[in-house]
Amino acid sequence: MSEPDDNIETPGGMATALLTEMLELAGKRGGLSIGEALEIMGSTGMTVTVLFLAIPALTPIPGPFGMVFGTALALISLQITFGRQSLWLPTVVRNRHISPAMLDLIIPHSLPIIARVEKVMRAGRLKAFTGPIVQTLLGIPIFLLAVVIALPIPFGNILPVVSLVVLAVALMERDGLVTLIGLLLAAATLAVTAALLYLMLSAILAA
């Protein structure tokens, strides 16, 4: 997961600033495709990409957004795990257009949650959890969380998306302690999801 050089201090609120800038740009262009959004964020690293692809699933809007963005996240996470520096997505996903109205709903709805995470960030804590090796290994939990987002579980997107927001913002702000908290939250999310799937399967078999 490529990030800026460790000697460069990441300003607080980077995620909020980038998403706000993207919202303004989408308004000027009449919307953005997923591919265009990723190109705009290309120089900021894969963590912003993970954040951007996760937050639509947090927004209460109709449509298969969990499946679309969860699938994109899963593909990105595999590329993170294998150390790929440039992003690849299928054409059907890259060309998925997001209207200004949709972004007006998605980003403002998500910014308060992101801002709360940013407030507790302190750059430099537990640096071992912000290094390149850990960032590569994070592709595994990100993949599992992406699969959860893609599953048709009622209200099943909230915990995995919050976990991804915490992980992405923590890496952007170089806070290893919050990265560790994000990993623990991801583990709890996967445990809760497994329990829900077990209960759903048991109910189906009992019917």
N, C-alpha and C. Protein backbone atom coordinates (compact mmCIF):
# COMPACT_ATOMS: atom_id res chain seq x y z
N MET A 1 0.86 -1.18 0.00
CA MET A 1 0.00 0.00 0.00
C MET A 1 0.89 1.22 0.00
N SER A 2 1.01 1.89 -1.11
CA SER A 2 1.96 2.97 -1.26
C SER A 2 1.49 4.22 -0.55
N GLU A 3 2.38 4.83 0.22
CA GLU A 3 2.08 6.03 0.97
C GLU A 3 3.19 7.05 0.82
N PRO A 4 3.00 8.31 1.22
CA PRO A 4 4.05 9.29 1.18
C PRO A 4 5.22 8.88 2.06
N ASP A 5 6.36 9.50 1.84
CA ASP A 5 7.57 9.19 2.59
C ASP A 5 7.34 9.43 4.06
N ASP A 6 7.94 8.57 4.91
CA ASP A 6 7.74 8.65 6.36
C ASP A 6 8.25 9.96 6.94
N ASN A 7 9.18 10.63 6.25
CA ASN A 7 9.74 11.87 6.77
C ASN A 7 8.83 13.06 6.53
N ILE A 8 7.79 12.84 5.72
CA ILE A 8 6.85 13.92 5.45
C ILE A 8 5.67 13.77 6.38
N GLU A 9 5.39 14.77 7.15
CA GLU A 9 4.30 14.70 8.12
C GLU A 9 2.96 14.85 7.42
N THR A 10 2.07 13.93 7.67
CA THR A 10 0.75 13.99 7.07
C THR A 10 -0.12 14.95 7.85
N PRO A 11 -0.67 15.96 7.23
CA PRO A 11 -1.49 16.93 7.96
C PRO A 11 -2.76 16.29 8.49
N GLY A 12 -3.20 16.78 9.66
CA GLY A 12 -4.43 16.28 10.23
C GLY A 12 -5.61 16.60 9.34
N GLY A 13 -6.59 15.70 9.25
CA GLY A 13 -7.76 15.94 8.45
C GLY A 13 -7.56 15.74 6.97
N MET A 14 -6.55 14.96 6.57
CA MET A 14 -6.29 14.75 5.14
C MET A 14 -7.49 14.10 4.45
N ALA A 15 -8.08 13.10 5.08
CA ALA A 15 -9.21 12.40 4.46
C ALA A 15 -10.37 13.35 4.22
N THR A 16 -10.69 14.16 5.23
CA THR A 16 -11.79 15.13 5.09
C THR A 16 -11.50 16.11 3.96
N ALA A 17 -10.26 16.61 3.89
CA ALA A 17 -9.90 17.58 2.87
C ALA A 17 -9.99 16.98 1.47
N LEU A 18 -9.50 15.76 1.29
CA LEU A 18 -9.51 15.12 -0.02
C LEU A 18 -10.92 14.83 -0.50
N LEU A 19 -11.76 14.32 0.40
CA LEU A 19 -13.13 14.01 0.01
C LEU A 19 -13.94 15.27 -0.30
N THR A 20 -13.70 16.33 0.45
CA THR A 20 -14.37 17.60 0.17
C THR A 20 -13.95 18.14 -1.18
N GLU A 21 -12.65 18.04 -1.48
CA GLU A 21 -12.14 18.49 -2.78
C GLU A 21 -12.75 17.68 -3.92
N MET A 22 -12.90 16.38 -3.71
CA MET A 22 -13.50 15.52 -4.73
C MET A 22 -14.96 15.88 -4.96
N LEU A 23 -15.67 16.20 -3.90
CA LEU A 23 -17.08 16.59 -4.02
C LEU A 23 -17.22 17.85 -4.86
N GLU A 24 -16.34 18.81 -4.62
CA GLU A 24 -16.36 20.06 -5.39
C GLU A 24 -16.04 19.80 -6.86
N LEU A 25 -15.06 18.94 -7.12
CA LEU A 25 -14.68 18.63 -8.49
C LEU A 25 -15.80 17.90 -9.23
N ALA A 26 -16.47 16.99 -8.53
CA ALA A 26 -17.59 16.26 -9.14
C ALA A 26 -18.71 17.21 -9.53
N GLY A 27 -18.94 18.22 -8.70
CA GLY A 27 -19.95 19.21 -9.02
C GLY A 27 -19.62 19.97 -10.30
N LYS A 28 -18.34 20.28 -10.48
CA LYS A 28 -17.92 21.01 -11.68
C LYS A 28 -17.99 20.13 -12.93
N ARG A 29 -17.69 18.83 -12.77
CA ARG A 29 -17.66 17.93 -13.92
C ARG A 29 -19.00 17.26 -14.21
N GLY A 30 -19.94 17.44 -13.33
CA GLY A 30 -21.22 16.76 -13.52
C GLY A 30 -21.17 15.31 -13.12
N GLY A 31 -20.35 14.98 -12.12
CA GLY A 31 -20.20 13.61 -11.64
C GLY A 31 -18.84 13.04 -11.97
N LEU A 32 -18.56 11.88 -11.41
CA LEU A 32 -17.30 11.19 -11.64
C LEU A 32 -17.55 9.70 -11.79
N SER A 33 -16.74 9.05 -12.59
CA SER A 33 -16.74 7.59 -12.59
C SER A 33 -15.80 7.12 -11.48
N ILE A 34 -15.92 5.85 -11.08
CA ILE A 34 -15.01 5.32 -10.07
C ILE A 34 -13.57 5.42 -10.56
N GLY A 35 -13.35 5.14 -11.84
CA GLY A 35 -12.01 5.24 -12.40
C GLY A 35 -11.45 6.64 -12.32
N GLU A 36 -12.26 7.65 -12.63
CA GLU A 36 -11.80 9.04 -12.56
C GLU A 36 -11.48 9.43 -11.12
N ALA A 37 -12.30 8.97 -10.18
CA ALA A 37 -12.04 9.28 -8.77
C ALA A 37 -10.73 8.67 -8.31
N LEU A 38 -10.44 7.44 -8.73
CA LEU A 38 -9.20 6.78 -8.34
C LEU A 38 -8.00 7.47 -8.97
N GLU A 39 -8.15 7.96 -10.20
CA GLU A 39 -7.06 8.67 -10.85
C GLU A 39 -6.75 9.97 -10.12
N ILE A 40 -7.80 10.66 -9.67
CA ILE A 40 -7.61 11.91 -8.93
C ILE A 40 -6.84 11.65 -7.64
N MET A 41 -7.12 10.51 -6.99
CA MET A 41 -6.49 10.19 -5.71
C MET A 41 -5.20 9.39 -5.87
N GLY A 42 -4.78 9.13 -7.10
CA GLY A 42 -3.66 8.22 -7.33
C GLY A 42 -2.42 8.54 -6.55
N SER A 43 -2.07 9.81 -6.45
CA SER A 43 -0.81 10.18 -5.79
C SER A 43 -0.90 10.11 -4.27
N THR A 44 -2.10 9.92 -3.73
CA THR A 44 -2.26 9.92 -2.28
C THR A 44 -2.18 8.52 -1.68
N GLY A 45 -2.04 7.50 -2.51
CA GLY A 45 -1.89 6.15 -2.00
C GLY A 45 -3.18 5.37 -1.94
N MET A 46 -3.05 4.07 -1.65
CA MET A 46 -4.20 3.17 -1.69
C MET A 46 -5.12 3.34 -0.49
N THR A 47 -4.61 3.93 0.59
CA THR A 47 -5.48 4.08 1.76
C THR A 47 -6.67 4.98 1.46
N VAL A 48 -6.44 6.06 0.69
CA VAL A 48 -7.55 6.94 0.33
C VAL A 48 -8.51 6.21 -0.59
N THR A 49 -7.98 5.35 -1.45
CA THR A 49 -8.82 4.56 -2.34
C THR A 49 -9.72 3.63 -1.53
N VAL A 50 -9.15 2.96 -0.52
CA VAL A 50 -9.93 2.09 0.36
C VAL A 50 -11.04 2.89 1.04
N LEU A 51 -10.69 4.08 1.53
CA LEU A 51 -11.67 4.93 2.20
C LEU A 51 -12.79 5.32 1.25
N PHE A 52 -12.43 5.75 0.04
CA PHE A 52 -13.43 6.20 -0.93
C PHE A 52 -14.37 5.08 -1.34
N LEU A 53 -13.83 3.87 -1.50
CA LEU A 53 -14.67 2.75 -1.92
C LEU A 53 -15.52 2.18 -0.78
N ALA A 54 -15.12 2.46 0.46
CA ALA A 54 -15.86 1.93 1.61
C ALA A 54 -17.07 2.78 1.98
N ILE A 55 -16.92 4.10 1.93
CA ILE A 55 -17.96 4.96 2.51
C ILE A 55 -19.31 4.91 1.79
N PRO A 56 -19.40 4.61 0.47
CA PRO A 56 -20.76 4.52 -0.11
C PRO A 56 -21.62 3.46 0.54
N ALA A 57 -20.99 2.37 1.01
CA ALA A 57 -21.75 1.29 1.64
C ALA A 57 -22.28 1.69 3.01
N LEU A 58 -21.78 2.83 3.53
CA LEU A 58 -22.25 3.32 4.83
C LEU A 58 -23.49 4.19 4.69
N THR A 59 -23.79 4.60 3.46
CA THR A 59 -24.87 5.54 3.21
C THR A 59 -26.18 4.80 2.95
N PRO A 60 -27.26 5.18 3.61
CA PRO A 60 -28.55 4.49 3.43
C PRO A 60 -29.22 4.86 2.11
N ILE A 61 -28.70 4.33 1.00
CA ILE A 61 -29.27 4.61 -0.32
C ILE A 61 -29.63 3.29 -0.98
N PRO A 62 -30.69 3.28 -1.81
CA PRO A 62 -31.08 2.03 -2.47
C PRO A 62 -30.09 1.68 -3.57
N GLY A 63 -30.09 0.40 -3.94
CA GLY A 63 -29.23 -0.05 -5.02
C GLY A 63 -28.15 -1.00 -4.53
N PRO A 64 -27.49 -1.68 -5.46
CA PRO A 64 -26.48 -2.69 -5.09
C PRO A 64 -25.12 -2.08 -4.79
N PHE A 65 -25.09 -1.01 -3.99
CA PHE A 65 -23.83 -0.32 -3.75
C PHE A 65 -22.87 -1.18 -2.94
N GLY A 66 -23.41 -1.96 -1.99
CA GLY A 66 -22.55 -2.83 -1.21
C GLY A 66 -21.82 -3.83 -2.10
N MET A 67 -22.55 -4.42 -3.04
CA MET A 67 -21.94 -5.41 -3.91
C MET A 67 -20.91 -4.78 -4.85
N VAL A 68 -21.26 -3.63 -5.45
CA VAL A 68 -20.35 -2.96 -6.40
C VAL A 68 -19.07 -2.51 -5.71
N PHE A 69 -19.22 -1.75 -4.63
CA PHE A 69 -18.05 -1.20 -3.96
C PHE A 69 -17.32 -2.27 -3.15
N GLY A 70 -18.05 -3.25 -2.62
CA GLY A 70 -17.40 -4.35 -1.92
C GLY A 70 -16.52 -5.16 -2.86
N THR A 71 -17.02 -5.40 -4.09
CA THR A 71 -16.23 -6.13 -5.08
C THR A 71 -14.98 -5.34 -5.45
N ALA A 72 -15.14 -4.03 -5.66
CA ALA A 72 -13.99 -3.18 -5.99
C ALA A 72 -12.97 -3.21 -4.86
N LEU A 73 -13.45 -3.14 -3.62
CA LEU A 73 -12.55 -3.18 -2.46
C LEU A 73 -11.80 -4.50 -2.38
N ALA A 74 -12.50 -5.60 -2.67
CA ALA A 74 -11.86 -6.91 -2.63
C ALA A 74 -10.73 -6.98 -3.65
N LEU A 75 -10.96 -6.47 -4.84
CA LEU A 75 -9.92 -6.47 -5.87
C LEU A 75 -8.73 -5.60 -5.47
N ILE A 76 -9.02 -4.44 -4.88
CA ILE A 76 -7.95 -3.55 -4.42
C ILE A 76 -7.14 -4.21 -3.30
N SER A 77 -7.84 -4.89 -2.38
CA SER A 77 -7.15 -5.51 -1.24
C SER A 77 -6.19 -6.60 -1.70
N LEU A 78 -6.57 -7.36 -2.72
CA LEU A 78 -5.67 -8.39 -3.25
C LEU A 78 -4.43 -7.76 -3.85
N GLN A 79 -4.60 -6.62 -4.52
CA GLN A 79 -3.46 -5.92 -5.09
C GLN A 79 -2.54 -5.36 -4.00
N ILE A 80 -3.15 -4.93 -2.88
CA ILE A 80 -2.35 -4.47 -1.74
C ILE A 80 -1.52 -5.63 -1.19
N THR A 81 -2.16 -6.79 -1.03
CA THR A 81 -1.48 -7.95 -0.46
C THR A 81 -0.28 -8.38 -1.31
N PHE A 82 -0.42 -8.28 -2.63
CA PHE A 82 0.66 -8.70 -3.53
C PHE A 82 1.62 -7.56 -3.86
N GLY A 83 1.46 -6.43 -3.15
CA GLY A 83 2.42 -5.34 -3.29
C GLY A 83 2.32 -4.55 -4.57
N ARG A 84 1.20 -4.59 -5.24
CA ARG A 84 1.03 -3.85 -6.49
C ARG A 84 0.97 -2.36 -6.19
N GLN A 85 1.68 -1.55 -6.95
CA GLN A 85 1.73 -0.11 -6.71
C GLN A 85 0.68 0.67 -7.51
N SER A 86 0.25 0.14 -8.64
CA SER A 86 -0.78 0.79 -9.44
C SER A 86 -2.07 -0.02 -9.38
N LEU A 87 -3.20 0.68 -9.43
CA LEU A 87 -4.48 0.03 -9.25
C LEU A 87 -5.08 -0.45 -10.56
N TRP A 88 -5.74 -1.61 -10.50
CA TRP A 88 -6.47 -2.13 -11.65
C TRP A 88 -7.86 -2.54 -11.21
N LEU A 89 -8.86 -2.16 -12.01
CA LEU A 89 -10.24 -2.58 -11.78
C LEU A 89 -10.86 -2.94 -13.12
N PRO A 90 -11.80 -3.88 -13.15
CA PRO A 90 -12.49 -4.20 -14.41
C PRO A 90 -13.17 -2.96 -14.98
N THR A 91 -13.28 -2.92 -16.30
CA THR A 91 -13.87 -1.76 -16.97
C THR A 91 -15.27 -1.46 -16.47
N VAL A 92 -16.08 -2.50 -16.22
CA VAL A 92 -17.45 -2.29 -15.78
C VAL A 92 -17.49 -1.59 -14.42
N VAL A 93 -16.48 -1.82 -13.57
CA VAL A 93 -16.42 -1.15 -12.27
C VAL A 93 -15.83 0.24 -12.43
N ARG A 94 -14.74 0.37 -13.19
CA ARG A 94 -14.09 1.67 -13.38
C ARG A 94 -15.04 2.69 -14.01
N ASN A 95 -15.91 2.22 -14.91
CA ASN A 95 -16.79 3.13 -15.62
C ASN A 95 -18.09 3.43 -14.88
N ARG A 96 -18.25 2.82 -13.71
CA ARG A 96 -19.47 3.08 -12.93
C ARG A 96 -19.55 4.56 -12.56
N HIS A 97 -20.56 5.25 -13.07
CA HIS A 97 -20.66 6.70 -12.88
C HIS A 97 -21.39 7.03 -11.58
N ILE A 98 -20.84 8.01 -10.87
CA ILE A 98 -21.46 8.48 -9.63
C ILE A 98 -21.87 9.93 -9.86
N SER A 99 -23.15 10.21 -9.76
CA SER A 99 -23.66 11.55 -10.04
C SER A 99 -23.31 12.52 -8.90
N PRO A 100 -23.31 13.84 -9.20
CA PRO A 100 -23.08 14.81 -8.12
C PRO A 100 -24.09 14.67 -6.99
N ALA A 101 -25.34 14.37 -7.34
CA ALA A 101 -26.37 14.21 -6.31
C ALA A 101 -26.05 13.04 -5.38
N MET A 102 -25.53 11.95 -5.98
CA MET A 102 -25.18 10.79 -5.17
C MET A 102 -23.99 11.11 -4.27
N LEU A 103 -22.98 11.80 -4.82
CA LEU A 103 -21.83 12.18 -4.01
C LEU A 103 -22.23 13.18 -2.93
N ASP A 104 -23.20 14.05 -3.25
CA ASP A 104 -23.70 14.99 -2.24
C ASP A 104 -24.34 14.26 -1.06
N LEU A 105 -24.85 13.07 -1.31
CA LEU A 105 -25.43 12.26 -0.23
C LEU A 105 -24.36 11.45 0.48
N ILE A 106 -23.47 10.82 -0.30
CA ILE A 106 -22.48 9.90 0.26
C ILE A 106 -21.45 10.62 1.12
N ILE A 107 -20.80 11.65 0.56
CA ILE A 107 -19.66 12.26 1.25
C ILE A 107 -20.09 13.06 2.49
N PRO A 108 -21.06 13.98 2.40
CA PRO A 108 -21.46 14.70 3.62
C PRO A 108 -21.98 13.77 4.71
N HIS A 109 -22.63 12.66 4.32
CA HIS A 109 -23.13 11.71 5.30
C HIS A 109 -21.98 11.03 6.05
N SER A 110 -20.85 10.84 5.34
CA SER A 110 -19.72 10.10 5.91
C SER A 110 -18.71 11.00 6.63
N LEU A 111 -18.63 12.28 6.24
CA LEU A 111 -17.60 13.16 6.79
C LEU A 111 -17.64 13.29 8.32
N PRO A 112 -18.82 13.38 8.95
CA PRO A 112 -18.81 13.48 10.42
C PRO A 112 -18.16 12.27 11.09
N ILE A 113 -18.38 11.07 10.54
CA ILE A 113 -17.76 9.87 11.10
C ILE A 113 -16.25 9.92 10.92
N ILE A 114 -15.81 10.31 9.72
CA ILE A 114 -14.38 10.41 9.44
C ILE A 114 -13.74 11.47 10.33
N ALA A 115 -14.43 12.61 10.51
CA ALA A 115 -13.89 13.68 11.34
C ALA A 115 -13.70 13.23 12.79
N ARG A 116 -14.62 12.41 13.29
CA ARG A 116 -14.49 11.91 14.67
C ARG A 116 -13.24 11.03 14.81
N VAL A 117 -13.00 10.20 13.78
CA VAL A 117 -11.80 9.36 13.80
C VAL A 117 -10.55 10.23 13.74
N GLU A 118 -10.56 11.25 12.90
CA GLU A 118 -9.39 12.13 12.74
C GLU A 118 -9.04 12.85 14.04
N LYS A 119 -10.05 13.16 14.85
CA LYS A 119 -9.81 13.92 16.08
C LYS A 119 -8.93 13.16 17.08
N VAL A 120 -8.96 11.82 17.05
CA VAL A 120 -8.18 11.05 18.02
C VAL A 120 -6.82 10.64 17.47
N MET A 121 -6.49 11.08 16.25
CA MET A 121 -5.22 10.68 15.64
C MET A 121 -4.04 11.44 16.25
N ARG A 122 -2.95 10.72 16.44
CA ARG A 122 -1.69 11.30 16.88
C ARG A 122 -0.58 10.63 16.07
N ALA A 123 0.01 11.35 15.16
CA ALA A 123 1.05 10.78 14.29
C ALA A 123 2.23 10.30 15.11
N GLY A 124 2.78 9.14 14.73
CA GLY A 124 3.99 8.63 15.37
C GLY A 124 3.78 7.59 16.45
N ARG A 125 2.54 7.33 16.86
CA ARG A 125 2.31 6.32 17.89
C ARG A 125 2.43 4.93 17.30
N LEU A 126 3.16 4.04 17.97
CA LEU A 126 3.34 2.65 17.54
C LEU A 126 3.68 2.59 16.04
N LYS A 127 4.82 3.17 15.68
CA LYS A 127 5.20 3.26 14.26
C LYS A 127 5.29 1.90 13.58
N ALA A 128 5.52 0.84 14.37
CA ALA A 128 5.62 -0.50 13.78
C ALA A 128 4.35 -0.90 13.06
N PHE A 129 3.21 -0.29 13.46
CA PHE A 129 1.93 -0.64 12.84
C PHE A 129 1.57 0.27 11.66
N THR A 130 2.51 1.10 11.23
CA THR A 130 2.26 1.95 10.05
C THR A 130 3.30 1.70 8.96
N GLY A 131 4.20 0.74 9.17
CA GLY A 131 5.24 0.46 8.20
C GLY A 131 4.73 -0.28 6.97
N PRO A 132 5.57 -0.39 5.95
CA PRO A 132 5.15 -1.01 4.68
C PRO A 132 4.75 -2.48 4.80
N ILE A 133 5.41 -3.23 5.70
CA ILE A 133 5.07 -4.65 5.85
C ILE A 133 3.65 -4.80 6.40
N VAL A 134 3.35 -4.04 7.44
CA VAL A 134 2.01 -4.10 8.04
C VAL A 134 0.97 -3.64 7.02
N GLN A 135 1.29 -2.59 6.27
CA GLN A 135 0.35 -2.09 5.27
C GLN A 135 0.02 -3.15 4.23
N THR A 136 1.04 -3.93 3.83
CA THR A 136 0.82 -5.01 2.87
C THR A 136 -0.05 -6.11 3.49
N LEU A 137 0.25 -6.47 4.73
CA LEU A 137 -0.52 -7.50 5.41
C LEU A 137 -1.97 -7.09 5.63
N LEU A 138 -2.22 -5.78 5.70
CA LEU A 138 -3.59 -5.30 5.91
C LEU A 138 -4.50 -5.63 4.74
N GLY A 139 -3.91 -6.01 3.61
CA GLY A 139 -4.73 -6.42 2.48
C GLY A 139 -5.63 -7.58 2.83
N ILE A 140 -5.19 -8.44 3.76
CA ILE A 140 -5.99 -9.62 4.13
C ILE A 140 -7.26 -9.23 4.88
N PRO A 141 -7.17 -8.47 6.00
CA PRO A 141 -8.42 -8.07 6.67
C PRO A 141 -9.29 -7.16 5.80
N ILE A 142 -8.66 -6.33 4.96
CA ILE A 142 -9.45 -5.48 4.07
C ILE A 142 -10.25 -6.34 3.10
N PHE A 143 -9.64 -7.41 2.59
CA PHE A 143 -10.35 -8.33 1.69
C PHE A 143 -11.54 -8.96 2.40
N LEU A 144 -11.33 -9.44 3.62
CA LEU A 144 -12.42 -10.08 4.36
C LEU A 144 -13.55 -9.09 4.66
N LEU A 145 -13.19 -7.86 5.01
CA LEU A 145 -14.21 -6.84 5.27
C LEU A 145 -14.96 -6.48 3.98
N ALA A 146 -14.25 -6.48 2.86
CA ALA A 146 -14.88 -6.19 1.57
C ALA A 146 -15.90 -7.27 1.22
N VAL A 147 -15.57 -8.51 1.51
CA VAL A 147 -16.52 -9.61 1.26
C VAL A 147 -17.77 -9.42 2.12
N VAL A 148 -17.59 -9.01 3.37
CA VAL A 148 -18.73 -8.77 4.25
C VAL A 148 -19.62 -7.66 3.68
N ILE A 149 -19.00 -6.59 3.18
CA ILE A 149 -19.76 -5.48 2.60
C ILE A 149 -20.58 -5.95 1.41
N ALA A 150 -20.00 -6.85 0.61
CA ALA A 150 -20.68 -7.33 -0.60
C ALA A 150 -21.82 -8.29 -0.28
N LEU A 151 -21.84 -8.88 0.92
CA LEU A 151 -22.88 -9.84 1.27
C LEU A 151 -24.21 -9.13 1.54
N PRO A 152 -25.32 -9.75 1.15
CA PRO A 152 -26.64 -9.13 1.37
C PRO A 152 -27.16 -9.34 2.79
N ILE A 153 -26.42 -8.82 3.76
CA ILE A 153 -26.83 -8.95 5.15
C ILE A 153 -27.49 -7.64 5.58
N PRO A 154 -28.74 -7.67 6.09
CA PRO A 154 -29.41 -6.42 6.52
C PRO A 154 -28.57 -5.68 7.57
N PHE A 155 -28.30 -4.41 7.30
CA PHE A 155 -27.49 -3.56 8.19
C PHE A 155 -26.09 -4.13 8.44
N GLY A 156 -25.67 -5.00 7.52
CA GLY A 156 -24.37 -5.66 7.72
C GLY A 156 -23.18 -4.84 7.26
N ASN A 157 -23.43 -3.66 6.67
CA ASN A 157 -22.33 -2.85 6.17
C ASN A 157 -21.70 -1.93 7.21
N ILE A 158 -22.44 -1.64 8.26
CA ILE A 158 -22.00 -0.59 9.19
C ILE A 158 -20.67 -0.93 9.84
N LEU A 159 -20.56 -2.07 10.49
CA LEU A 159 -19.33 -2.42 11.20
C LEU A 159 -18.12 -2.56 10.27
N PRO A 160 -18.23 -3.27 9.13
CA PRO A 160 -17.07 -3.37 8.27
C PRO A 160 -16.62 -2.04 7.69
N VAL A 161 -17.57 -1.16 7.34
CA VAL A 161 -17.19 0.14 6.80
C VAL A 161 -16.51 1.00 7.87
N VAL A 162 -17.05 0.99 9.08
CA VAL A 162 -16.42 1.74 10.17
C VAL A 162 -15.00 1.21 10.42
N SER A 163 -14.83 -0.10 10.37
CA SER A 163 -13.50 -0.69 10.54
C SER A 163 -12.54 -0.20 9.46
N LEU A 164 -13.01 -0.17 8.22
CA LEU A 164 -12.18 0.28 7.11
C LEU A 164 -11.86 1.77 7.22
N VAL A 165 -12.82 2.56 7.65
CA VAL A 165 -12.58 4.00 7.84
C VAL A 165 -11.49 4.21 8.89
N VAL A 166 -11.59 3.50 10.00
CA VAL A 166 -10.58 3.63 11.06
C VAL A 166 -9.20 3.22 10.55
N LEU A 167 -9.11 2.09 9.85
CA LEU A 167 -7.83 1.62 9.33
C LEU A 167 -7.24 2.60 8.32
N ALA A 168 -8.07 3.05 7.38
CA ALA A 168 -7.57 3.94 6.33
C ALA A 168 -7.10 5.27 6.89
N VAL A 169 -7.92 5.89 7.74
CA VAL A 169 -7.55 7.19 8.30
C VAL A 169 -6.33 7.06 9.21
N ALA A 170 -6.25 5.98 9.99
CA ALA A 170 -5.10 5.77 10.87
C ALA A 170 -3.80 5.65 10.08
N LEU A 171 -3.83 4.95 8.95
CA LEU A 171 -2.63 4.84 8.12
C LEU A 171 -2.28 6.16 7.45
N MET A 172 -3.28 6.90 7.02
CA MET A 172 -3.03 8.20 6.42
C MET A 172 -2.38 9.15 7.41
N GLU A 173 -2.81 9.08 8.68
CA GLU A 173 -2.31 9.99 9.70
C GLU A 173 -1.13 9.41 10.49
N ARG A 174 -0.64 8.22 10.07
CA ARG A 174 0.54 7.60 10.70
C ARG A 174 0.34 7.30 12.18
N ASP A 175 -0.84 6.84 12.56
CA ASP A 175 -1.12 6.51 13.97
C ASP A 175 -1.23 4.99 14.10
N GLY A 176 -0.16 4.36 14.58
CA GLY A 176 -0.14 2.91 14.72
C GLY A 176 -1.08 2.40 15.78
N LEU A 177 -1.31 3.19 16.84
CA LEU A 177 -2.22 2.76 17.91
C LEU A 177 -3.64 2.62 17.37
N VAL A 178 -4.09 3.61 16.60
CA VAL A 178 -5.44 3.54 16.05
C VAL A 178 -5.51 2.47 14.95
N THR A 179 -4.39 2.23 14.25
CA THR A 179 -4.37 1.12 13.28
C THR A 179 -4.61 -0.20 14.00
N LEU A 180 -3.97 -0.38 15.16
CA LEU A 180 -4.19 -1.59 15.96
C LEU A 180 -5.64 -1.69 16.42
N ILE A 181 -6.20 -0.56 16.84
CA ILE A 181 -7.61 -0.54 17.24
C ILE A 181 -8.50 -0.93 16.06
N GLY A 182 -8.16 -0.42 14.87
CA GLY A 182 -8.91 -0.77 13.67
C GLY A 182 -8.86 -2.26 13.38
N LEU A 183 -7.69 -2.88 13.60
CA LEU A 183 -7.55 -4.32 13.39
C LEU A 183 -8.42 -5.10 14.38
N LEU A 184 -8.43 -4.67 15.62
CA LEU A 184 -9.27 -5.32 16.63
C LEU A 184 -10.76 -5.16 16.28
N LEU A 185 -11.12 -3.98 15.80
CA LEU A 185 -12.50 -3.75 15.38
C LEU A 185 -12.85 -4.62 14.19
N ALA A 186 -11.89 -4.79 13.26
CA ALA A 186 -12.12 -5.66 12.10
C ALA A 186 -12.33 -7.10 12.54
N ALA A 187 -11.53 -7.57 13.52
CA ALA A 187 -11.68 -8.93 14.03
C ALA A 187 -13.05 -9.12 14.68
N ALA A 188 -13.49 -8.12 15.45
CA ALA A 188 -14.81 -8.19 16.07
C ALA A 188 -15.91 -8.20 15.01
N THR A 189 -15.73 -7.41 13.96
CA THR A 189 -16.70 -7.36 12.87
C THR A 189 -16.84 -8.71 12.19
N LEU A 190 -15.71 -9.35 11.92
CA LEU A 190 -15.74 -10.66 11.26
C LEU A 190 -16.40 -11.71 12.15
N ALA A 191 -16.17 -11.62 13.47
CA ALA A 191 -16.78 -12.56 14.40
C ALA A 191 -18.30 -12.37 14.44
N VAL A 192 -18.74 -11.11 14.48
CA VAL A 192 -20.18 -10.82 14.50
C VAL A 192 -20.83 -11.29 13.20
N THR A 193 -20.15 -11.05 12.07
CA THR A 193 -20.69 -11.46 10.77
C THR A 193 -20.82 -12.98 10.69
N ALA A 194 -19.80 -13.69 11.17
CA ALA A 194 -19.86 -15.16 11.16
C ALA A 194 -21.04 -15.65 11.99
N ALA A 195 -21.28 -15.01 13.14
CA ALA A 195 -22.41 -15.39 13.99
C ALA A 195 -23.74 -15.12 13.28
N LEU A 196 -23.84 -13.98 12.60
CA LEU A 196 -25.07 -13.65 11.86
C LEU A 196 -25.32 -14.64 10.73
N LEU A 197 -24.26 -14.98 10.00
CA LEU A 197 -24.41 -15.94 8.90
C LEU A 197 -24.84 -17.30 9.43
N TYR A 198 -24.30 -17.69 10.57
CA TYR A 198 -24.68 -18.97 11.19
C TYR A 198 -26.16 -18.97 11.57
N LEU A 199 -26.61 -17.87 12.16
CA LEU A 199 -28.01 -17.76 12.56
C LEU A 199 -28.93 -17.75 11.35
N MET A 200 -28.53 -17.04 10.28
CA MET A 200 -29.33 -16.99 9.06
C MET A 200 -29.43 -18.37 8.42
N LEU A 201 -28.28 -19.08 8.37
CA LEU A 201 -28.26 -20.42 7.79
C LEU A 201 -29.11 -21.38 8.60
N SER A 202 -29.03 -21.27 9.93
CA SER A 202 -29.82 -22.14 10.81
C SER A 202 -31.31 -21.89 10.61
N ALA A 203 -31.68 -20.61 10.44
CA ALA A 203 -33.10 -20.27 10.24
C ALA A 203 -33.60 -20.83 8.91
N ILE A 204 -32.75 -20.75 7.87
CA ILE A 204 -33.15 -21.27 6.55
C ILE A 204 -33.33 -22.78 6.59
N LEU A 205 -32.39 -23.45 7.24
CA LEU A 205 -32.46 -24.91 7.31
C LEU A 205 -33.64 -25.39 8.15
N ALA A 206 -33.99 -24.55 9.14
CA ALA A 206 -35.11 -24.94 10.04
C ALA A 206 -36.47 -24.67 9.40
N ALA A 207 -36.48 -23.81 8.37
CA ALA A 207 -37.77 -23.45 7.75
C ALA A 207 -38.35 -24.61 6.94
